[in-house]
Amino acid sequence: MSPVDVVIILAVAAIVALCVRRLLKGEAGGCSDCASGASCTARKTGRGSCKVAADMVTRADAALSGRPDSHDGK
């Protein structure tokens, strides 16, 4: 194995390790990818439910069932 192969393997291993670290670190916040994460009471208190996620599920259910969405009338 040439030194170039070793460098490539080490670089790929480092990238994989950073990706795994990011995934594990992101799980701790719960709302880390949410646009409302900074003001989310569920994130601050660790209890309750995410209102943004609940709204998303409600809209998806309405779209799939053919009902008009009662949230904003669209």
Protein backbone atom coordinates (compact mmCIF):
# COMPACT_ATOMS: atom_id res chain seq x y z
CA MET A 1 0.00 0.00 0.00
CA SER A 2 1.47 3.33 -1.01
CA PRO A 3 1.56 6.42 1.25
CA VAL A 4 -1.11 8.05 -0.93
CA ASP A 5 -3.49 5.15 -0.21
CA VAL A 6 -2.87 5.52 3.53
CA VAL A 7 -3.57 9.25 3.39
CA ILE A 8 -6.82 8.70 1.48
CA ILE A 9 -7.96 6.01 3.91
CA LEU A 10 -7.16 8.22 6.90
CA ALA A 11 -9.01 11.16 5.34
CA VAL A 12 -12.11 9.04 4.68
CA ALA A 13 -11.96 7.63 8.23
CA ALA A 14 -11.71 11.16 9.65
CA ILE A 15 -14.70 12.34 7.61
CA VAL A 16 -16.77 9.36 8.74
CA ALA A 17 -15.80 10.01 12.37
CA LEU A 18 -16.81 13.67 12.06
CA CYS A 19 -20.15 12.69 10.50
CA VAL A 20 -20.89 10.23 13.30
CA ARG A 21 -19.89 12.84 15.89
CA ARG A 22 -22.22 15.38 14.28
CA LEU A 23 -25.11 12.93 14.23
CA LEU A 24 -24.63 12.03 17.88
CA LYS A 25 -24.23 15.65 18.92
CA GLY A 26 -27.32 16.68 16.95
CA GLU A 27 -29.47 14.07 18.69
CA ALA A 28 -28.85 15.67 22.09
CA GLY A 29 -30.64 18.91 21.14
CA GLY A 30 -33.66 17.30 19.53
CA CYS A 31 -34.63 20.52 17.74
CA SER A 32 -31.21 21.37 16.38
CA ASP A 33 -32.39 21.45 12.76
CA CYS A 34 -35.68 23.19 13.46
CA ALA A 35 -36.07 26.82 12.41
CA SER A 36 -37.94 27.45 15.66
CA GLY A 37 -35.31 25.65 17.75
CA ALA A 38 -34.14 28.78 19.56
CA SER A 39 -37.64 29.59 20.87
CA CYS A 40 -38.90 26.03 21.33
CA THR A 41 -40.20 25.41 24.85
CA ALA A 42 -39.95 21.66 24.38
CA ARG A 43 -36.23 22.06 23.75
CA LYS A 44 -35.69 24.46 26.66
CA THR A 45 -37.61 22.40 29.23
CA GLY A 46 -37.00 18.92 27.84
CA ARG A 47 -40.73 18.20 28.15
CA GLY A 48 -43.73 18.62 25.95
CA SER A 49 -44.04 18.31 22.23
CA CYS A 50 -42.73 20.25 19.29
CA LYS A 51 -45.48 22.52 17.95
CA VAL A 52 -43.78 22.81 14.57
CA ALA A 53 -43.70 19.02 14.15
CA ALA A 54 -47.31 18.70 15.30
CA ASP A 55 -48.37 21.35 12.76
CA MET A 56 -46.43 19.55 10.02
CA VAL A 57 -48.14 16.25 10.81
CA THR A 58 -51.55 17.94 10.86
CA ARG A 59 -50.94 19.50 7.45
CA ALA A 60 -49.68 16.20 6.01
CA ASP A 61 -52.75 14.36 7.32
CA ALA A 62 -55.03 17.01 5.82
CA ALA A 63 -53.26 16.82 2.46
CA LEU A 64 -53.41 13.04 2.35
CA SER A 65 -57.06 12.83 3.37
CA GLY A 66 -58.19 15.49 0.90
CA ARG A 67 -59.56 17.77 3.61
CA PRO A 68 -58.90 21.50 3.35
CA ASP A 69 -56.25 22.62 5.82
CA SER A 70 -57.84 24.58 8.66
CA HIS A 71 -54.53 26.17 9.69
CA ASP A 72 -54.30 29.00 7.17
CA GLY A 73 -57.06 28.33 4.69
CA LYS A 74 -54.77 27.35 1.80
